[in-house]
PDB file of N, CA and C in Angstrom:
ATOM      1  N   UNK A   1      30.903   0.782 -20.599  1.00  0.00           N
ATOM      2  CA  UNK A   1      30.262   0.140 -19.761  1.00  0.00           C
ATOM      3  C   UNK A   1      31.504  -0.916 -18.834  1.00  0.00           C
ATOM      4  N   UNK A   2      32.578  -1.339 -19.628  1.00  0.00           N
ATOM      5  CA  UNK A   2      33.496  -1.798 -18.666  1.00  0.00           C
ATOM      6  C   UNK A   2      34.252  -1.452 -17.858  1.00  0.00           C
ATOM      7  N   UNK A   3      34.364   0.481 -17.881  1.00  0.00           N
ATOM      8  CA  UNK A   3      34.791   1.156 -16.805  1.00  0.00           C
ATOM      9  C   UNK A   3      33.633   1.443 -15.707  1.00  0.00           C
ATOM     10  N   UNK A   4      32.403   1.200 -15.891  1.00  0.00           N
ATOM     11  CA  UNK A   4      31.403   1.164 -14.686  1.00  0.00           C
ATOM     12  C   UNK A   4      31.547   0.114 -13.788  1.00  0.00           C
ATOM     13  N   UNK A   5      31.819  -1.263 -14.381  1.00  0.00           N
ATOM     14  CA  UNK A   5      31.653  -2.467 -13.837  1.00  0.00           C
ATOM     15  C   UNK A   5      32.891  -2.386 -12.974  1.00  0.00           C
ATOM     16  N   UNK A   6      34.234  -1.931 -13.762  1.00  0.00           N
ATOM     17  CA  UNK A   6      35.606  -2.076 -12.358  1.00  0.00           C
ATOM     18  C   UNK A   6      35.535  -1.132 -11.551  1.00  0.00           C
ATOM     19  N   UNK A   7      34.657  -0.022 -11.714  1.00  0.00           N
ATOM     20  CA  UNK A   7      34.674   1.186 -10.850  1.00  0.00           C
ATOM     21  C   UNK A   7      33.847   0.442  -9.580  1.00  0.00           C
ATOM     22  N   UNK A   8      32.746  -0.385  -9.945  1.00  0.00           N
ATOM     23  CA  UNK A   8      31.908  -1.058  -9.286  1.00  0.00           C
ATOM     24  C   UNK A   8      32.493  -2.133  -8.345  1.00  0.00           C
ATOM     25  N   UNK A   9      33.386  -2.837  -8.990  1.00  0.00           N
ATOM     26  CA  UNK A   9      34.486  -3.861  -8.431  1.00  0.00           C
ATOM     27  C   UNK A   9      35.381  -3.346  -7.451  1.00  0.00           C
ATOM     28  N   UNK A  10      35.761  -2.119  -7.959  1.00  0.00           N
ATOM     29  CA  UNK A  10      36.938  -1.499  -6.765  1.00  0.00           C
ATOM     30  C   UNK A  10      36.357  -1.122  -5.885  1.00  0.00           C
ATOM     31  N   UNK A  11      34.970  -0.143  -5.719  1.00  0.00           N
ATOM     32  CA  UNK A  11      34.427   0.111  -4.611  1.00  0.00           C
ATOM     33  C   UNK A  11      33.941  -1.076  -3.969  1.00  0.00           C
ATOM     34  N   UNK A  12      33.615  -1.983  -4.463  1.00  0.00           N
ATOM     35  CA  UNK A  12      32.946  -3.448  -3.455  1.00  0.00           C
ATOM     36  C   UNK A  12      34.276  -3.827  -2.505  1.00  0.00           C
ATOM     37  N   UNK A  13      35.369  -4.127  -3.363  1.00  0.00           N
ATOM     38  CA  UNK A  13      36.589  -4.869  -2.769  1.00  0.00           C
ATOM     39  C   UNK A  13      37.221  -3.522  -1.742  1.00  0.00           C
ATOM     40  N   UNK A  14      36.979  -2.286  -1.826  1.00  0.00           N
ATOM     41  CA  UNK A  14      37.458  -1.335  -0.962  1.00  0.00           C
ATOM     42  C   UNK A  14      36.597  -1.660   0.502  1.00  0.00           C
ATOM     43  N   UNK A  15      35.254  -1.800   0.090  1.00  0.00           N
ATOM     44  CA  UNK A  15      34.507  -2.036   1.566  1.00  0.00           C
ATOM     45  C   UNK A  15      34.681  -3.498   2.014  1.00  0.00           C
ATOM     46  N   UNK A  16      34.795  -4.553   1.297  1.00  0.00           N
ATOM     47  CA  UNK A  16      35.197  -5.598   1.940  1.00  0.00           C
ATOM     48  C   UNK A  16      36.514  -5.803   2.751  1.00  0.00           C
ATOM     49  N   UNK A  17      37.638  -4.839   2.334  1.00  0.00           N
ATOM     50  CA  UNK A  17      38.636  -5.034   2.946  1.00  0.00           C
ATOM     51  C   UNK A  17      38.429  -4.089   4.457  1.00  0.00           C
ATOM     52  N   UNK A  18      37.680  -3.005   4.262  1.00  0.00           N
ATOM     53  CA  UNK A  18      37.226  -2.123   5.226  1.00  0.00           C
ATOM     54  C   UNK A  18      36.791  -3.336   6.623  1.00  0.00           C
ATOM     55  N   UNK A  19      35.716  -4.218   5.832  1.00  0.00           N
ATOM     56  CA  UNK A  19      35.091  -4.623   7.100  1.00  0.00           C
ATOM     57  C   UNK A  19      35.675  -5.864   7.542  1.00  0.00           C
ATOM     58  N   UNK A  20      36.770  -6.399   6.741  1.00  0.00           N
ATOM     59  CA  UNK A  20      37.937  -7.378   7.282  1.00  0.00           C
ATOM     60  C   UNK A  20      38.568  -7.120   8.248  1.00  0.00           C
ATOM     61  N   UNK A  21      38.885  -5.362   8.187  1.00  0.00           N
ATOM     62  CA  UNK A  21      40.034  -5.065   8.889  1.00  0.00           C
ATOM     63  C   UNK A  21      39.188  -4.627   9.994  1.00  0.00           C
ATOM     64  N   UNK A  22      38.040  -4.348  10.239  1.00  0.00           N
ATOM     65  CA  UNK A  22      37.391  -4.356  11.647  1.00  0.00           C
ATOM     66  C   UNK A  22      37.410  -5.470  12.453  1.00  0.00           C
ATOM     67  N   UNK A  23      37.656  -5.496  13.828  1.00  0.00           N
ATOM     68  CA  UNK A  23      37.779  -6.498  14.723  1.00  0.00           C
ATOM     69  C   UNK A  23      36.605  -5.869  15.635  1.00  0.00           C
ATOM     70  N   UNK A  24      35.908  -6.758  16.397  1.00  0.00           N
ATOM     71  CA  UNK A  24      35.351  -6.514  17.967  1.00  0.00           C
ATOM     72  C   UNK A  24      35.977  -7.026  19.007  1.00  0.00           C
ATOM     73  N   UNK A  25      36.313  -6.186  19.708  1.00  0.00           N
ATOM     74  CA  UNK A  25      36.882  -6.305  21.090  1.00  0.00           C
ATOM     75  C   UNK A  25      35.912  -6.187  22.089  1.00  0.00           C
ATOM     76  N   UNK A  26      36.149  -6.546  23.445  1.00  0.00           N
ATOM     77  CA  UNK A  26      35.301  -6.411  24.481  1.00  0.00           C
ATOM     78  C   UNK A  26      35.312  -5.095  25.059  1.00  0.00           C
ATOM     79  N   UNK A  27      34.366  -4.776  25.670  1.00  0.00           N
ATOM     80  CA  UNK A  27      34.380  -3.510  26.579  1.00  0.00           C
ATOM     81  C   UNK A  27      35.657  -3.285  27.527  1.00  0.00           C
ATOM     82  N   UNK A  28      35.799  -4.229  28.148  1.00  0.00           N
ATOM     83  CA  UNK A  28      37.038  -4.399  28.876  1.00  0.00           C
ATOM     84  C   UNK A  28      38.391  -3.789  27.900  1.00  0.00           C
ATOM     85  N   UNK A  29      38.546  -4.390  26.916  1.00  0.00           N
ATOM     86  CA  UNK A  29      39.601  -4.160  26.208  1.00  0.00           C
ATOM     87  C   UNK A  29      39.693  -3.038  25.714  1.00  0.00           C
ATOM     88  N   UNK A  30      38.612  -2.107  25.184  1.00  0.00           N
ATOM     89  CA  UNK A  30      38.463  -0.823  24.941  1.00  0.00           C
ATOM     90  C   UNK A  30      39.164   0.106  25.546  1.00  0.00           C
ATOM     91  N   UNK A  31      38.532  -0.133  27.000  1.00  0.00           N
ATOM     92  CA  UNK A  31      38.406   0.893  28.100  1.00  0.00           C
ATOM     93  C   UNK A  31      39.916   0.809  28.452  1.00  0.00           C
ATOM     94  N   UNK A  32      40.883  -0.314  28.195  1.00  0.00           N
ATOM     95  CA  UNK A  32      42.041  -0.515  28.666  1.00  0.00           C
ATOM     96  C   UNK A  32      43.041   0.064  27.522  1.00  0.00           C
ATOM     97  N   UNK A  33      42.450  -0.011  26.186  1.00  0.00           N
ATOM     98  CA  UNK A  33      43.166   0.667  24.902  1.00  0.00           C
ATOM     99  C   UNK A  33      43.105   2.053  25.323  1.00  0.00           C
ATOM    100  N   UNK A  34      41.892   2.829  25.759  1.00  0.00           N
ATOM    101  CA  UNK A  34      41.790   3.974  25.607  1.00  0.00           C
ATOM    102  C   UNK A  34      42.029   4.800  27.154  1.00  0.00           C
ATOM    103  N   UNK A  35      42.566   4.043  27.834  1.00  0.00           N
ATOM    104  CA  UNK A  35      43.060   4.114  29.429  1.00  0.00           C
ATOM    105  C   UNK A  35      41.872   5.095  30.048  1.00  0.00           C
ATOM    106  N   UNK A  36      40.677   4.594  29.922  1.00  0.00           N
ATOM    107  CA  UNK A  36      39.308   5.094  30.574  1.00  0.00           C
ATOM    108  C   UNK A  36      38.776   3.771  31.122  1.00  0.00           C
ATOM    109  N   UNK A  37      37.776   4.246  31.953  1.00  0.00           N
ATOM    110  CA  UNK A  37      36.840   3.007  32.561  1.00  0.00           C
ATOM    111  C   UNK A  37      35.642   2.810  31.664  1.00  0.00           C
ATOM    112  N   UNK A  38      35.242   1.302  32.322  1.00  0.00           N
ATOM    113  CA  UNK A  38      34.118   0.816  31.297  1.00  0.00           C
ATOM    114  C   UNK A  38      33.042   1.669  31.459  1.00  0.00           C
ATOM    115  N   UNK A  39      32.926   2.132  32.743  1.00  0.00           N
ATOM    116  CA  UNK A  39      31.576   3.190  32.839  1.00  0.00           C
ATOM    117  C   UNK A  39      31.706   4.229  31.871  1.00  0.00           C
ATOM    118  N   UNK A  40      32.873   4.881  31.547  1.00  0.00           N
ATOM    119  CA  UNK A  40      32.901   6.098  30.734  1.00  0.00           C
ATOM    120  C   UNK A  40      32.555   5.420  29.172  1.00  0.00           C
ATOM    121  N   UNK A  41      33.160   4.546  29.003  1.00  0.00           N
ATOM    122  CA  UNK A  41      32.912   3.749  27.609  1.00  0.00           C
ATOM    123  C   UNK A  41      31.042   3.583  27.431  1.00  0.00           C
ATOM    124  N   UNK A  42      30.430   3.246  28.494  1.00  0.00           N
ATOM    125  CA  UNK A  42      28.959   2.979  28.738  1.00  0.00           C
ATOM    126  C   UNK A  42      28.221   4.062  28.313  1.00  0.00           C
ATOM    127  N   UNK A  43      28.837   5.356  29.181  1.00  0.00           N
ATOM    128  CA  UNK A  43      27.915   6.740  29.033  1.00  0.00           C
ATOM    129  C   UNK A  43      28.114   7.196  27.479  1.00  0.00           C
ATOM    130  N   UNK A  44      29.585   6.812  26.936  1.00  0.00           N
ATOM    131  CA  UNK A  44      29.858   7.611  25.894  1.00  0.00           C
ATOM    132  C   UNK A  44      28.494   6.534  24.798  1.00  0.00           C
ATOM    133  N   UNK A  45      28.515   5.403  25.074  1.00  0.00           N
ATOM    134  CA  UNK A  45      27.606   4.209  23.784  1.00  0.00           C
ATOM    135  C   UNK A  45      26.314   5.259  24.348  1.00  0.00           C
ATOM    136  N   UNK A  46      25.944   5.377  25.731  1.00  0.00           N
ATOM    137  CA  UNK A  46      24.192   5.909  26.036  1.00  0.00           C
ATOM    138  C   UNK A  46      24.055   6.888  25.332  1.00  0.00           C
ATOM    139  N   UNK A  47      25.301   8.091  25.211  1.00  0.00           N
ATOM    140  CA  UNK A  47      25.055   9.203  24.675  1.00  0.00           C
ATOM    141  C   UNK A  47      25.354   9.656  22.994  1.00  0.00           C
ATOM    142  N   UNK A  48      25.233   8.415  22.529  1.00  0.00           N
ATOM    143  CA  UNK A  48      25.470   7.894  20.940  1.00  0.00           C
ATOM    144  C   UNK A  48      27.094   8.667  20.517  1.00  0.00           C
ATOM    145  N   UNK A  49      28.080   8.556  21.161  1.00  0.00           N
ATOM    146  CA  UNK A  49      29.500   9.477  20.830  1.00  0.00           C
ATOM    147  C   UNK A  49      29.853   7.875  20.663  1.00  0.00           C
ATOM    148  N   UNK A  50      29.985   6.364  21.010  1.00  0.00           N
ATOM    149  CA  UNK A  50      30.489   5.303  20.728  1.00  0.00           C
ATOM    150  C   UNK A  50      29.503   4.538  20.081  1.00  0.00           C
ATOM    151  N   UNK A  51      29.858   3.798  18.950  1.00  0.00           N
ATOM    152  CA  UNK A  51      29.262   2.743  18.149  1.00  0.00           C
ATOM    153  C   UNK A  51      29.402   1.309  19.043  1.00  0.00           C
ATOM    154  N   UNK A  52      28.366   0.797  19.533  1.00  0.00           N
ATOM    155  CA  UNK A  52      28.842  -0.691  19.989  1.00  0.00           C
ATOM    156  C   UNK A  52      28.093  -1.856  19.468  1.00  0.00           C
ATOM    157  N   UNK A  53      28.474  -3.206  19.763  1.00  0.00           N
ATOM    158  CA  UNK A  53      27.582  -3.753  19.241  1.00  0.00           C
ATOM    159  C   UNK A  53      26.794  -4.929  20.282  1.00  0.00           C
ATOM    160  N   UNK A  54      25.995  -5.247  20.546  1.00  0.00           N
ATOM    161  CA  UNK A  54      25.505  -6.051  21.408  1.00  0.00           C
ATOM    162  C   UNK A  54      25.011  -7.467  21.010  1.00  0.00           C
ATOM    163  N   UNK A  55      25.826  -8.411  21.616  1.00  0.00           N
ATOM    164  CA  UNK A  55      25.458  -9.941  20.935  1.00  0.00           C
ATOM    165  C   UNK A  55      25.230 -10.223  22.381  1.00  0.00           C
ATOM    166  N   UNK A  56      23.796 -10.962  22.714  1.00  0.00           N
ATOM    167  CA  UNK A  56      23.506 -11.410  23.959  1.00  0.00           C
ATOM    168  C   UNK A  56      23.710 -10.479  25.197  1.00  0.00           C
ATOM    169  N   UNK A  57      24.036 -10.899  26.052  1.00  0.00           N
ATOM    170  CA  UNK A  57      24.757  -9.979  27.039  1.00  0.00           C
ATOM    171  C   UNK A  57      26.238  -9.064  26.957  1.00  0.00           C
ATOM    172  N   UNK A  58      26.789  -9.551  25.868  1.00  0.00           N
ATOM    173  CA  UNK A  58      28.031  -8.849  25.662  1.00  0.00           C
ATOM    174  C   UNK A  58      28.187  -7.696  24.890  1.00  0.00           C
ATOM    175  N   UNK A  59      29.206  -6.786  25.220  1.00  0.00           N
ATOM    176  CA  UNK A  59      29.026  -5.264  24.689  1.00  0.00           C
ATOM    177  C   UNK A  59      30.088  -5.414  24.129  1.00  0.00           C
ATOM    178  N   UNK A  60      30.290  -5.285  22.822  1.00  0.00           N
ATOM    179  CA  UNK A  60      31.656  -5.351  22.087  1.00  0.00           C
ATOM    180  C   UNK A  60      31.956  -3.830  21.371  1.00  0.00           C
ATOM    181  N   UNK A  61      32.814  -3.783  21.276  1.00  0.00           N
ATOM    182  CA  UNK A  61      33.627  -2.403  20.429  1.00  0.00           C
ATOM    183  C   UNK A  61      34.203  -2.531  19.119  1.00  0.00           C
ATOM    184  N   UNK A  62      33.857  -1.962  18.048  1.00  0.00           N
ATOM    185  CA  UNK A  62      34.613  -2.009  16.660  1.00  0.00           C
ATOM    186  C   UNK A  62      36.117  -1.376  17.095  1.00  0.00           C
ATOM    187  N   UNK A  63      37.075  -2.209  16.645  1.00  0.00           N
ATOM    188  CA  UNK A  63      38.512  -1.246  16.549  1.00  0.00           C
ATOM    189  C   UNK A  63      38.640  -0.198  16.261  1.00  0.00           C
ATOM    190  N   UNK A  64      37.327   0.083  14.970  1.00  0.00           N
ATOM    191  CA  UNK A  64      37.602   1.437  14.213  1.00  0.00           C
ATOM    192  C   UNK A  64      37.245   2.735  15.088  1.00  0.00           C
ATOM    193  N   UNK A  65      36.088   1.961  16.266  1.00  0.00           N
ATOM    194  CA  UNK A  65      35.698   3.134  17.247  1.00  0.00           C
ATOM    195  C   UNK A  65      36.855   3.570  18.103  1.00  0.00           C
ATOM    196  N   UNK A  66      37.395   2.533  18.384  1.00  0.00           N
ATOM    197  CA  UNK A  66      38.672   3.147  19.244  1.00  0.00           C
ATOM    198  C   UNK A  66      39.613   3.680  18.795  1.00  0.00           C
ATOM    199  N   UNK A  67      40.160   3.235  17.163  1.00  0.00           N
ATOM    200  CA  UNK A  67      41.082   4.538  16.758  1.00  0.00           C
ATOM    201  C   UNK A  67      40.531   5.748  16.518  1.00  0.00           C
ATOM    202  N   UNK A  68      38.686   5.745  16.327  1.00  0.00           N
ATOM    203  CA  UNK A  68      38.392   6.989  15.562  1.00  0.00           C
ATOM    204  C   UNK A  68      38.470   7.853  17.227  1.00  0.00           C
ATOM    205  N   UNK A  69      38.216   7.106  18.396  1.00  0.00           N
ATOM    206  CA  UNK A  69      38.253   8.038  19.650  1.00  0.00           C
ATOM    207  C   UNK A  69      39.511   8.728  20.152  1.00  0.00           C
ATOM    208  N   UNK A  70      40.434   7.513  19.907  1.00  0.00           N
ATOM    209  CA  UNK A  70      41.879   7.989  19.905  1.00  0.00           C
ATOM    210  C   UNK A  70      42.422   8.894  19.155  1.00  0.00           C
ATOM    211  N   UNK A  71      41.926   8.976  17.970  1.00  0.00           N
ATOM    212  CA  UNK A  71      42.674  10.060  17.050  1.00  0.00           C
ATOM    213  C   UNK A  71      41.888  11.492  17.478  1.00  0.00           C
ATOM    214  N   UNK A  72      40.668  11.278  16.647  1.00  0.00           N
ATOM    215  CA  UNK A  72      39.669  12.567  17.064  1.00  0.00           C
ATOM    216  C   UNK A  72      39.439  13.160  18.126  1.00  0.00           C
ATOM    217  N   UNK A  73      38.881  12.133  19.001  1.00  0.00           N
ATOM    218  CA  UNK A  73      38.419  12.105  20.308  1.00  0.00           C
ATOM    219  C   UNK A  73      37.142  12.471  20.448  1.00  0.00           C
ATOM    220  N   UNK A  74      36.574  12.070  21.602  1.00  0.00           N
ATOM    221  CA  UNK A  74      35.253  12.688  22.154  1.00  0.00           C
ATOM    222  C   UNK A  74      35.289  12.830  23.236  1.00  0.00           C
ATOM    223  N   UNK A  75      34.971  14.599  23.178  1.00  0.00           N
ATOM    224  CA  UNK A  75      34.840  15.248  24.424  1.00  0.00           C
ATOM    225  C   UNK A  75      36.588  15.166  25.229  1.00  0.00           C
ATOM    226  N   UNK A  76      36.712  15.076  26.122  1.00  0.00           N
ATOM    227  CA  UNK A  76      38.178  15.406  26.845  1.00  0.00           C
ATOM    228  C   UNK A  76      39.226  14.583  26.328  1.00  0.00           C
ATOM    229  N   UNK A  77      38.557  13.179  25.533  1.00  0.00           N
ATOM    230  CA  UNK A  77      39.397  12.244  24.989  1.00  0.00           C
ATOM    231  C   UNK A  77      40.283  12.726  23.799  1.00  0.00           C
ATOM    232  N   UNK A  78      40.076  13.753  23.438  1.00  0.00           N
ATOM    233  CA  UNK A  78      40.611  14.396  21.978  1.00  0.00           C
ATOM    234  C   UNK A  78      42.285  13.982  22.234  1.00  0.00           C
ATOM    235  N   UNK A  79      42.866  13.633  21.185  1.00  0.00           N
ATOM    236  CA  UNK A  79      44.318  13.543  21.308  1.00  0.00           C
ATOM    237  C   UNK A  79      45.169  12.516  22.056  1.00  0.00           C
ATOM    238  N   UNK A  80      44.089  11.494  22.947  1.00  0.00           N
ATOM    239  CA  UNK A  80      44.675  10.868  23.703  1.00  0.00           C
ATOM    240  C   UNK A  80      45.136   9.534  22.732  1.00  0.00           C
ATOM    241  N   UNK A  81      46.322   8.995  22.647  1.00  0.00           N
ATOM    242  CA  UNK A  81      46.664   7.867  21.932  1.00  0.00           C
ATOM    243  C   UNK A  81      46.346   6.513  22.989  1.00  0.00           C
ATOM    244  N   UNK A  82      46.002   5.448  21.929  1.00  0.00           N
ATOM    245  CA  UNK A  82      45.691   4.384  22.399  1.00  0.00           C
ATOM    246  C   UNK A  82      46.804   3.720  22.927  1.00  0.00           C
ATOM    247  N   UNK A  83      46.921   2.463  23.956  1.00  0.00           N
ATOM    248  CA  UNK A  83      47.610   2.043  24.573  1.00  0.00           C
ATOM    249  C   UNK A  83      48.417   0.880  23.312  1.00  0.00           C
ATOM    250  N   UNK A  84      49.749   0.602  23.132  1.00  0.00           N
ATOM    251  CA  UNK A  84      49.941  -0.455  22.068  1.00  0.00           C
ATOM    252  C   UNK A  84      49.475  -1.859  22.279  1.00  0.00           C
ATOM    253  N   UNK A  85      49.217  -2.364  21.400  1.00  0.00           N
ATOM    254  CA  UNK A  85      48.577  -3.683  21.674  1.00  0.00           C
ATOM    255  C   UNK A  85      49.473  -4.664  22.048  1.00  0.00           C
ATOM    256  N   UNK A  86      49.498  -5.256  22.985  1.00  0.00           N
ATOM    257  CA  UNK A  86      50.260  -6.600  23.311  1.00  0.00           C
ATOM    258  C   UNK A  86      49.771  -7.640  22.408  1.00  0.00           C
ATOM    259  N   UNK A  87      50.876  -7.911  22.482  1.00  0.00           N
ATOM    260  CA  UNK A  87      51.379  -8.980  21.298  1.00  0.00           C
ATOM    261  C   UNK A  87      51.265 -10.849  22.284  1.00  0.00           C
TER     262      UNK A  87
END
């Protein structure tokens, strides 16, 4: 019983860490990171290749999606490295 509880706690804490690491950035910032246009990202979102979050009129992109597209790629963006984040 204790092992089952500790396994559930570990799984839940891993999910929480993943949730905390995910940030939302504007579509403009995501396009800048991937070195593509905003229209390209809108097309990717419309085709289901990019997950976005809409809050009112604002279109936001999770940073995890930027990393996923930069690493694995979506179509012709495969292998393209994201620009370094400015501090």
